[in-house]
Amino acid sequence: MSGKPLVTALDTPPAAANSRLPAFAMLSDYWALTKPEVNFLILITTFAGFYLGCVNAGRHFSFFTLFNTLLGTLLVASGTATLNQYFERKFDAQMRRTSRRPLAAGRLEPQRVLAFGIGLSLAGSIYLAVATTMLASLLALLALLSYLFLYTPLKRRTPLCVLVGAFPGAMPPLIGWAAASGRLHMEAWLLYATIFLWQFPHFMAIAWMYREDYDRAGYLVLPKGSARVAVVILQTLLPLLVLVPISFAQFPVLHPAIFYWGVRLLAVAFLYFGLEFVLQQSRGAARRLLAASIVYLPLLFVLRVALH
């Protein structure tokens, strides 16, 4: 990216940009702020937690409560994504991958985006508390606050931000479980551990593909110098090796063979692409690992729900 267009985008008064923006395009930009592609995975894992929470507690499955849970979680997740882009708008403008985001490109006014993000977050938290359980609402708030005020600032200070960010990132199934049963069972924590570990190879693939971008914006998601490769290898392989037995623990041999072997096929494939990535350390291998991670998680949770 040349310097001139970037400076032009940053120097354009947001209010002036808004005045030239058609209504449909503005709505599209606000929709993009919520990161719908990320919310899709969040809703899948929230649904799995809710369904399994109902089964575990011996409760009747309520589509109405499920809808309330998914809507409230979606609002909080959308608000978190919006506020994250508000806080990081200057840094997003320095990265090729994110420079076209609505706020980074100057198409939306920062104060309106801030109000939009706060409104979504508050609405979702209150909605979860009223329509589901207080525990689900508190978990959603905990995820939002730790993501915005721990993970987000740490991205510019230490590579440990990836570890810190994995804690709120794994919260959706706990929210779903809490909304269904009002408490958290050991099985809920297995779901949490699955997503917690899954995030490391998923994000290492992204961080490697866009490492120049992150360096340009001053993000320390990967260490600099000779330690970079070692950290990428460690944070890719170690979580994958732990993820395999945790995934197997949720699918006992007594279950039908299609589920038993299905989860093993997923685990082996995910591990294979992780090994390929750490051995080749190429953009192509990182892209394949990223694709494998996106396929792995929803299919694993679909199999987990199908067992019941």
Protein backbone atom coordinates (compact mmCIF):
# COMPACT_ATOMS: atom_id res chain seq x y z
CA MET A 1 0.00 0.00 0.00
CA SER A 2 1.39 3.40 -0.92
CA GLY A 3 1.55 6.11 1.71
CA LYS A 4 -0.58 8.66 -0.12
CA PRO A 5 -3.95 6.82 -0.16
CA LEU A 6 -3.46 5.87 3.49
CA VAL A 7 -2.88 9.48 4.54
CA THR A 8 -5.86 10.59 2.48
CA ALA A 9 -8.13 8.07 4.20
CA LEU A 10 -6.92 9.06 7.63
CA ASP A 11 -7.15 12.79 6.98
CA THR A 12 -10.68 12.71 5.56
CA PRO A 13 -13.08 14.11 8.20
CA PRO A 14 -15.41 11.21 9.16
CA ALA A 15 -18.45 13.45 9.17
CA ALA A 16 -17.73 14.53 5.62
CA ALA A 17 -17.26 10.91 4.62
CA ASN A 18 -20.62 10.08 6.20
CA SER A 19 -22.39 12.80 4.25
CA ARG A 20 -21.29 11.23 0.96
CA LEU A 21 -22.13 7.69 1.99
CA PRO A 22 -25.39 6.23 0.61
CA ALA A 23 -27.74 4.83 3.25
CA PHE A 24 -27.35 1.23 2.06
CA ALA A 25 -23.57 1.49 2.03
CA MET A 26 -23.64 2.93 5.55
CA LEU A 27 -25.78 0.06 6.79
CA SER A 28 -23.39 -2.35 5.12
CA ASP A 29 -20.49 -0.71 6.94
CA TYR A 30 -22.21 -0.98 10.31
CA TRP A 31 -22.95 -4.63 9.54
CA ALA A 32 -19.26 -5.18 8.71
CA LEU A 33 -18.28 -3.70 12.08
CA THR A 34 -19.99 -6.64 13.81
CA LYS A 35 -17.75 -9.19 12.03
CA PRO A 36 -20.56 -11.56 10.92
CA GLU A 37 -18.08 -14.21 9.73
CA VAL A 38 -16.72 -14.52 13.27
CA ASN A 39 -20.20 -14.42 14.79
CA PHE A 40 -21.18 -17.46 12.72
CA LEU A 41 -18.71 -19.65 14.63
CA ILE A 42 -19.70 -17.99 17.91
CA LEU A 43 -23.36 -18.87 17.35
CA ILE A 44 -22.54 -22.48 16.45
CA THR A 45 -20.56 -23.02 19.65
CA THR A 46 -23.16 -21.16 21.73
CA PHE A 47 -25.87 -23.39 20.30
CA ALA A 48 -23.84 -26.52 21.11
CA GLY A 49 -23.36 -25.36 24.69
CA PHE A 50 -27.06 -24.58 25.05
CA TYR A 51 -28.22 -27.90 23.61
CA LEU A 52 -25.81 -29.99 25.65
CA GLY A 53 -26.64 -27.94 28.75
CA CYS A 54 -30.31 -28.83 28.30
CA VAL A 55 -29.50 -32.53 27.87
CA ASN A 56 -27.16 -32.60 30.85
CA ALA A 57 -29.68 -30.87 33.13
CA GLY A 58 -32.54 -33.04 31.89
CA ARG A 59 -34.48 -29.98 30.80
CA HIS A 60 -36.93 -29.59 27.96
CA PHE A 61 -35.31 -28.01 24.91
CA SER A 62 -36.89 -24.60 24.38
CA PHE A 63 -36.53 -22.96 20.98
CA PHE A 64 -37.70 -19.69 22.52
CA THR A 65 -34.91 -19.72 25.12
CA LEU A 66 -32.43 -20.80 22.45
CA PHE A 67 -33.43 -17.83 20.30
CA ASN A 68 -33.01 -15.48 23.26
CA THR A 69 -29.61 -16.97 24.04
CA LEU A 70 -28.34 -16.67 20.48
CA LEU A 71 -29.71 -13.16 20.05
CA GLY A 72 -28.22 -11.90 23.30
CA THR A 73 -24.85 -13.53 22.56
CA LEU A 74 -24.87 -12.14 19.04
CA LEU A 75 -25.50 -8.62 20.33
CA VAL A 76 -22.65 -8.82 22.85
CA ALA A 77 -20.27 -10.36 20.31
CA SER A 78 -21.19 -7.71 17.74
CA GLY A 79 -20.67 -4.97 20.28
CA THR A 80 -17.29 -6.41 21.25
CA ALA A 81 -16.17 -6.55 17.62
CA THR A 82 -17.34 -2.98 17.03
CA LEU A 83 -15.61 -1.59 20.11
CA ASN A 84 -12.43 -3.46 19.26
CA GLN A 85 -12.34 -1.73 15.88
CA TYR A 86 -13.00 1.61 17.58
CA PHE A 87 -10.01 1.16 19.89
CA GLU A 88 -7.75 -0.10 17.11
CA ARG A 89 -8.85 2.17 14.26
CA LYS A 90 -5.50 3.96 13.91
CA PHE A 91 -3.59 0.69 13.85
CA ASP A 92 -6.06 -0.99 11.50
CA ALA A 93 -5.39 1.83 9.04
CA GLN A 94 -1.72 0.79 8.92
CA MET A 95 -2.43 -2.81 7.94
CA ARG A 96 -3.28 -3.92 4.42
CA ARG A 97 -5.64 -6.58 5.77
CA THR A 98 -7.70 -4.12 7.81
CA SER A 99 -7.18 -0.71 6.17
CA ARG A 100 -10.48 -0.99 4.30
CA ARG A 101 -12.55 -1.54 7.40
CA PRO A 102 -15.25 1.14 7.71
CA LEU A 103 -13.70 3.00 10.63
CA ALA A 104 -10.07 2.60 9.58
CA ALA A 105 -10.91 3.90 6.09
CA GLY A 106 -12.70 6.95 7.52
CA ARG A 107 -16.15 6.06 6.20
CA LEU A 108 -17.79 6.20 9.63
CA GLU A 109 -17.55 8.68 12.46
CA PRO A 110 -15.68 7.25 15.49
CA GLN A 111 -18.11 8.61 18.08
CA ARG A 112 -21.07 7.01 16.31
CA VAL A 113 -19.22 3.71 16.12
CA LEU A 114 -18.43 3.95 19.84
CA ALA A 115 -22.09 4.57 20.65
CA PHE A 116 -23.12 1.71 18.36
CA GLY A 117 -20.72 -0.71 20.06
CA ILE A 118 -21.73 0.31 23.59
CA GLY A 119 -25.40 0.08 22.66
CA LEU A 120 -25.05 -3.43 21.25
CA SER A 121 -23.02 -4.62 24.24
CA LEU A 122 -25.40 -3.23 26.84
CA ALA A 123 -28.47 -4.45 24.98
CA GLY A 124 -27.05 -7.96 24.67
CA SER A 125 -25.96 -8.17 28.31
CA ILE A 126 -29.28 -6.94 29.63
CA TYR A 127 -31.20 -9.15 27.22
CA LEU A 128 -29.31 -12.27 28.37
CA ALA A 129 -29.93 -11.40 32.02
CA VAL A 130 -33.66 -10.86 31.51
CA ALA A 131 -34.45 -13.50 28.90
CA THR A 132 -32.10 -16.32 30.00
CA THR A 133 -30.00 -16.35 33.20
CA MET A 134 -27.84 -13.89 35.11
CA LEU A 135 -24.91 -16.31 34.84
CA ALA A 136 -25.05 -16.22 31.04
CA SER A 137 -25.09 -12.42 31.12
CA LEU A 138 -22.13 -12.24 33.53
CA LEU A 139 -20.10 -14.64 31.39
CA ALA A 140 -20.80 -12.55 28.30
CA LEU A 141 -19.76 -9.37 30.14
CA LEU A 142 -16.61 -11.06 31.41
CA ALA A 143 -15.71 -12.08 27.87
CA LEU A 144 -16.33 -8.56 26.56
CA LEU A 145 -14.34 -6.78 29.27
CA SER A 146 -11.36 -9.14 29.22
CA TYR A 147 -11.21 -9.04 25.42
CA LEU A 148 -11.34 -5.26 25.19
CA PHE A 149 -9.34 -4.24 28.25
CA LEU A 150 -6.83 -7.08 28.60
CA TYR A 151 -6.29 -8.75 25.24
CA THR A 152 -6.63 -5.66 23.03
CA PRO A 153 -4.02 -3.45 24.78
CA LEU A 154 -1.67 -6.40 25.33
CA LYS A 155 -1.44 -6.95 21.56
CA ARG A 156 0.97 -4.04 21.39
CA ARG A 157 2.98 -5.08 24.45
CA THR A 158 3.61 -8.81 24.58
CA PRO A 159 3.09 -12.04 22.58
CA LEU A 160 1.36 -13.39 25.69
CA CYS A 161 -1.70 -11.55 24.38
CA VAL A 162 -2.58 -14.67 22.38
CA LEU A 163 -2.85 -16.69 25.59
CA VAL A 164 -4.84 -13.95 27.32
CA GLY A 165 -7.19 -13.58 24.36
CA ALA A 166 -7.94 -17.29 24.28
CA PHE A 167 -9.79 -17.08 27.62
CA PRO A 168 -12.61 -14.76 26.48
CA GLY A 169 -12.52 -16.31 23.00
CA ALA A 170 -13.60 -19.68 24.39
CA MET A 171 -16.57 -18.30 26.35
CA PRO A 172 -19.52 -18.87 23.92
CA PRO A 173 -20.31 -22.52 24.84
CA LEU A 174 -20.25 -21.58 28.53
CA ILE A 175 -22.75 -18.80 27.82
CA GLY A 176 -25.00 -21.24 25.99
CA TRP A 177 -24.70 -23.86 28.75
CA ALA A 178 -25.40 -21.30 31.49
CA ALA A 179 -28.45 -20.00 29.62
CA ALA A 180 -29.83 -23.54 29.36
CA SER A 181 -29.20 -24.81 32.88
CA GLY A 182 -28.16 -21.88 35.07
CA ARG A 183 -24.94 -23.63 36.10
CA LEU A 184 -21.75 -25.02 34.60
CA HIS A 185 -21.04 -28.75 34.50
CA MET A 186 -17.68 -30.45 33.88
CA GLU A 187 -18.75 -31.21 30.32
CA ALA A 188 -19.19 -27.49 29.71
CA TRP A 189 -15.57 -26.96 30.65
CA LEU A 190 -14.54 -29.64 28.16
CA LEU A 191 -16.24 -27.61 25.45
CA TYR A 192 -14.47 -24.53 26.76
CA ALA A 193 -11.10 -26.31 26.69
CA THR A 194 -11.72 -27.43 23.12
CA ILE A 195 -12.22 -23.89 21.83
CA PHE A 196 -9.47 -22.52 24.06
CA LEU A 197 -6.91 -24.86 22.47
CA TRP A 198 -8.36 -24.55 18.96
CA GLN A 199 -7.69 -20.82 18.93
CA PHE A 200 -3.90 -21.19 19.03
CA PRO A 201 -3.29 -22.98 15.70
CA HIS A 202 -6.12 -20.95 14.17
CA PHE A 203 -4.53 -17.66 15.15
CA MET A 204 -0.95 -18.76 14.47
CA ALA A 205 -1.96 -19.35 10.87
CA ILE A 206 -3.43 -15.85 10.65
CA ALA A 207 -0.48 -14.26 12.45
CA TRP A 208 2.01 -15.93 10.09
CA MET A 209 0.11 -14.98 6.94
CA TYR A 210 -0.08 -11.33 8.00
CA ARG A 211 3.07 -11.02 10.10
CA GLU A 212 4.36 -8.07 8.06
CA ASP A 213 1.05 -6.31 8.60
CA TYR A 214 1.17 -6.87 12.34
CA ASP A 215 4.77 -5.66 12.48
CA ARG A 216 3.87 -2.54 10.51
CA ALA A 217 1.12 -1.65 12.97
CA GLY A 218 3.28 -2.39 16.01
CA TYR A 219 1.40 -5.48 17.17
CA LEU A 220 3.43 -8.04 19.14
CA VAL A 221 1.24 -11.07 18.55
CA LEU A 222 4.46 -12.80 17.51
CA PRO A 223 7.87 -12.07 19.05
CA LYS A 224 10.55 -10.52 16.92
CA GLY A 225 13.86 -12.10 16.01
CA SER A 226 14.88 -15.74 16.30
CA ALA A 227 12.21 -16.55 18.90
CA ARG A 228 9.40 -16.00 16.37
CA VAL A 229 9.60 -19.39 14.66
CA ALA A 230 9.95 -21.25 17.95
CA VAL A 231 6.86 -19.56 19.40
CA VAL A 232 4.81 -20.28 16.28
CA ILE A 233 5.80 -23.95 16.40
CA LEU A 234 5.06 -24.22 20.13
CA GLN A 235 1.70 -22.46 19.95
CA THR A 236 0.63 -24.53 16.96
CA LEU A 237 1.72 -28.06 17.87
CA LEU A 238 1.34 -28.15 21.65
CA PRO A 239 -2.36 -27.09 21.67
CA LEU A 240 -3.08 -29.49 18.82
CA LEU A 241 -1.47 -32.39 20.68
CA VAL A 242 -3.54 -31.60 23.78
CA LEU A 243 -6.69 -30.97 21.75
CA VAL A 244 -6.69 -34.50 20.30
CA PRO A 245 -7.20 -36.40 23.60
CA ILE A 246 -9.68 -33.78 24.85
CA SER A 247 -11.73 -34.23 21.68
CA PHE A 248 -11.56 -38.02 22.06
CA ALA A 249 -12.71 -37.79 25.68
CA GLN A 250 -16.01 -36.32 24.51
CA PHE A 251 -16.67 -39.27 22.14
CA PRO A 252 -16.46 -42.60 24.01
CA VAL A 253 -16.03 -45.83 22.05
CA LEU A 254 -19.57 -46.89 22.98
CA HIS A 255 -21.03 -44.29 20.65
CA PRO A 256 -21.87 -45.24 17.03
CA ALA A 257 -18.82 -45.77 14.85
CA ILE A 258 -19.67 -42.87 12.53
CA PHE A 259 -19.18 -40.43 15.40
CA TYR A 260 -16.24 -42.27 16.89
CA TRP A 261 -14.29 -42.31 13.66
CA GLY A 262 -15.59 -38.96 12.48
CA VAL A 263 -14.01 -37.06 15.34
CA ARG A 264 -10.76 -38.97 14.90
CA LEU A 265 -10.64 -38.13 11.22
CA LEU A 266 -11.16 -34.46 12.05
CA ALA A 267 -8.44 -34.53 14.72
CA VAL A 268 -5.92 -36.29 12.47
CA ALA A 269 -6.60 -33.91 9.58
CA PHE A 270 -6.26 -30.85 11.82
CA LEU A 271 -3.01 -32.19 13.26
CA TYR A 272 -1.70 -32.98 9.77
CA PHE A 273 -2.18 -29.42 8.55
CA GLY A 274 -0.62 -28.13 11.76
CA LEU A 275 2.46 -30.29 11.17
CA GLU A 276 2.64 -29.19 7.55
CA PHE A 277 2.55 -25.57 8.64
CA VAL A 278 5.33 -25.80 11.22
CA LEU A 279 7.53 -27.77 8.83
CA GLN A 280 7.04 -25.57 5.77
CA GLN A 281 6.41 -22.21 7.48
CA SER A 282 4.92 -20.92 4.23
CA ARG A 283 1.94 -18.72 3.49
CA GLY A 284 0.28 -21.55 1.58
CA ALA A 285 0.63 -23.98 4.51
CA ALA A 286 -0.70 -21.30 6.88
CA ARG A 287 -3.70 -20.76 4.62
CA ARG A 288 -4.45 -24.49 4.58
CA LEU A 289 -4.18 -24.67 8.38
CA LEU A 290 -6.56 -21.73 8.68
CA ALA A 291 -9.07 -23.43 6.39
CA ALA A 292 -8.71 -26.69 8.33
CA SER A 293 -9.40 -24.88 11.61
CA ILE A 294 -12.54 -23.24 10.21
CA VAL A 295 -13.83 -26.64 9.03
CA TYR A 296 -12.77 -28.53 12.15
CA LEU A 297 -14.60 -26.57 14.84
CA PRO A 298 -18.18 -26.50 13.49
CA LEU A 299 -18.01 -30.12 12.35
CA LEU A 300 -16.71 -31.24 15.75
CA PHE A 301 -19.56 -29.47 17.52
CA VAL A 302 -22.12 -30.80 15.05
CA LEU A 303 -20.92 -34.33 15.83
CA ARG A 304 -21.00 -33.57 19.55
CA VAL A 305 -24.61 -32.40 19.39
CA ALA A 306 -25.64 -35.26 17.09
CA LEU A 307 -24.63 -37.80 19.74
CA HIS A 308 -27.67 -36.75 21.75
